[in-house]
Amino acid sequence: MAAARHAALLCALALAAPAVAAGPEAPDVCALVPGADVAARVGATLVAARSVKAEPTRSRCVYRVRKDGAERAFVVWWMPADEFDGLRAVTDDAKSARGVGDAAYSKYDRDTRRHGIVAVRRNRALVEVTGEDPAEIREIALLALGRY
């Protein structure tokens, strides 16, 4: 349910975009947060990193890493910082996450069995990181926020 509400808000924000002033241009997340750095942060080996620009003000990088013989995936999203409060408002299971950016919350998607952390640096950037392990996504969120 929370994932559906989150997706619905992202769609609503995307549909509203032409009616408001253009936000900041989304950076290439893979360039700002290189895959080798992500893999090193979680003690893994990089398999691949793929950049996806969802729209002019949102982008993400999908990282595939190998750790302990198993392949895992992490996704790092970049969005405008002013979307943080709206996203949190539609996340049913949001739990405050201290020590990550100016504000952050964690969540769990039961449908995909992935943990997520959404963190913001006010007036700079919002990052959302998803993966299987809460400790690892926290580390990646700290790494990503340090690049903005």
Protein backbone atom coordinates (compact mmCIF):
# COMPACT_ATOMS: atom_id res chain seq x y z
CA MET A 1 0.00 0.00 0.00
CA ALA A 2 2.77 2.43 0.92
CA ALA A 3 4.58 1.67 -2.33
CA ALA A 4 1.43 2.43 -4.31
CA ARG A 5 0.93 5.75 -2.49
CA HIS A 6 4.59 6.63 -3.04
CA ALA A 7 4.27 5.86 -6.76
CA ALA A 8 1.03 7.84 -6.96
CA LEU A 9 2.69 10.91 -5.45
CA LEU A 10 5.61 10.64 -7.85
CA CYS A 11 3.14 10.46 -10.76
CA ALA A 12 1.17 13.43 -9.45
CA LEU A 13 4.34 15.46 -9.03
CA ALA A 14 5.42 14.52 -12.55
CA LEU A 15 2.06 15.55 -14.03
CA ALA A 16 2.17 18.86 -12.17
CA ALA A 17 5.71 19.67 -13.32
CA PRO A 18 4.78 21.66 -16.46
CA ALA A 19 2.52 23.96 -14.41
CA VAL A 20 5.31 25.07 -12.09
CA ALA A 21 8.71 26.61 -12.66
CA ALA A 22 11.31 24.13 -13.78
CA GLY A 23 13.29 22.61 -10.93
CA PRO A 24 16.98 21.85 -10.89
CA GLU A 25 18.32 19.66 -13.66
CA ALA A 26 18.88 16.13 -12.39
CA PRO A 27 22.54 15.09 -12.26
CA ASP A 28 23.97 11.84 -13.57
CA VAL A 29 23.83 9.86 -10.33
CA CYS A 30 26.29 7.22 -11.60
CA ALA A 31 28.86 9.95 -12.32
CA LEU A 32 28.44 11.64 -8.92
CA VAL A 33 28.30 8.39 -6.95
CA PRO A 34 30.56 5.97 -8.87
CA GLY A 35 29.80 2.28 -8.68
CA ALA A 36 33.27 1.45 -7.39
CA ASP A 37 32.62 3.73 -4.40
CA VAL A 38 29.24 2.12 -3.72
CA ALA A 39 30.72 -1.38 -3.91
CA ALA A 40 33.63 -0.45 -1.63
CA ARG A 41 31.26 1.13 0.90
CA VAL A 42 29.42 -2.19 1.34
CA GLY A 43 32.45 -4.48 0.98
CA ALA A 44 31.47 -5.79 -2.44
CA THR A 45 32.74 -5.91 -6.03
CA LEU A 46 31.03 -3.82 -8.72
CA VAL A 47 29.29 -5.81 -11.44
CA ALA A 48 27.59 -2.91 -13.27
CA ALA A 49 26.16 0.56 -12.84
CA ARG A 50 23.43 1.91 -15.12
CA SER A 51 22.20 5.49 -15.22
CA VAL A 52 18.51 6.19 -15.79
CA LYS A 53 17.12 9.68 -16.19
CA ALA A 54 13.45 9.36 -15.31
CA GLU A 55 12.65 12.94 -16.28
CA PRO A 56 14.47 16.30 -16.28
CA THR A 57 14.35 16.72 -12.49
CA ARG A 58 14.77 13.06 -11.41
CA SER A 59 17.44 10.52 -12.10
CA ARG A 60 18.73 7.28 -10.65
CA CYS A 61 21.56 4.83 -10.87
CA VAL A 62 21.10 1.08 -10.56
CA TYR A 63 24.16 -0.62 -9.08
CA ARG A 64 24.73 -4.35 -9.24
CA VAL A 65 27.39 -5.69 -6.89
CA ARG A 66 28.70 -9.10 -5.86
CA LYS A 67 29.22 -9.89 -2.20
CA ASP A 68 29.85 -13.27 -0.63
CA GLY A 69 29.17 -14.96 -3.98
CA ALA A 70 25.71 -13.41 -4.41
CA GLU A 71 24.66 -10.57 -6.66
CA ARG A 72 22.72 -7.69 -5.11
CA ALA A 73 21.21 -4.49 -6.42
CA PHE A 74 21.02 -0.98 -5.00
CA VAL A 75 19.17 1.94 -6.52
CA VAL A 76 20.06 5.54 -5.74
CA TRP A 77 17.50 8.17 -6.79
CA TRP A 78 18.12 11.92 -6.96
CA MET A 79 15.12 14.26 -6.67
CA PRO A 80 14.64 17.93 -5.82
CA ALA A 81 14.98 18.57 -2.07
CA ASP A 82 11.57 20.22 -1.81
CA GLU A 83 9.81 16.88 -2.44
CA PHE A 84 10.89 15.37 0.90
CA ASP A 85 7.86 16.40 2.99
CA GLY A 86 5.37 15.28 0.34
CA LEU A 87 6.98 11.87 -0.02
CA ARG A 88 7.12 11.34 3.72
CA ALA A 89 3.45 12.29 4.06
CA VAL A 90 2.40 9.39 1.79
CA THR A 91 4.72 6.79 3.30
CA ASP A 92 2.69 4.79 5.82
CA ASP A 93 5.54 3.01 7.56
CA ALA A 94 8.07 5.87 7.66
CA LYS A 95 10.41 5.70 10.64
CA SER A 96 12.78 8.54 11.43
CA ALA A 97 16.41 7.83 10.57
CA ARG A 98 18.83 9.97 12.54
CA GLY A 99 22.29 10.95 11.41
CA VAL A 100 21.59 10.94 7.68
CA GLY A 101 21.33 14.38 6.08
CA ASP A 102 19.17 17.14 7.53
CA ALA A 103 16.18 14.80 7.76
CA ALA A 104 15.61 11.17 6.82
CA TYR A 105 13.23 8.28 7.19
CA SER A 106 13.43 4.57 6.53
CA LYS A 107 10.77 2.32 5.06
CA TYR A 108 10.19 -1.26 3.98
CA ASP A 109 8.31 -2.38 0.89
CA ARG A 110 6.69 -5.72 1.61
CA ASP A 111 5.88 -6.29 -2.07
CA THR A 112 9.50 -6.06 -3.24
CA ARG A 113 11.09 -7.03 0.09
CA ARG A 114 13.40 -4.05 -0.17
CA HIS A 115 14.38 -1.54 2.45
CA GLY A 116 14.63 2.12 1.62
CA ILE A 117 15.95 5.29 3.13
CA VAL A 118 14.92 8.75 1.97
CA ALA A 119 17.22 11.56 3.08
CA VAL A 120 17.44 15.25 2.30
CA ARG A 121 19.98 18.00 2.41
CA ARG A 122 17.74 21.06 2.53
CA ASN A 123 18.04 23.32 -0.50
CA ARG A 124 20.40 20.83 -2.17
CA ALA A 125 19.15 17.32 -2.86
CA LEU A 126 16.93 14.46 -1.86
CA VAL A 127 18.25 10.93 -2.25
CA GLU A 128 16.39 7.68 -1.94
CA VAL A 129 18.38 4.46 -1.66
CA THR A 130 16.84 1.00 -1.84
CA GLY A 131 18.37 -2.41 -1.22
CA GLU A 132 18.08 -5.58 0.79
CA ASP A 133 20.08 -4.59 3.87
CA PRO A 134 19.16 -1.53 5.98
CA ALA A 135 22.74 -0.98 7.21
CA GLU A 136 24.10 -1.05 3.67
CA ILE A 137 21.54 1.37 2.27
CA ARG A 138 22.27 3.75 5.14
CA GLU A 139 25.97 3.70 4.23
CA ILE A 140 25.16 4.34 0.57
CA ALA A 141 22.81 7.20 1.52
CA LEU A 142 25.60 8.83 3.56
CA LEU A 143 27.96 8.41 0.62
CA ALA A 144 25.47 9.87 -1.87
CA LEU A 145 24.53 12.86 0.29
CA GLY A 146 28.20 13.65 0.70
CA ARG A 147 28.44 14.18 -3.05
CA TYR A 148 25.74 16.88 -3.22
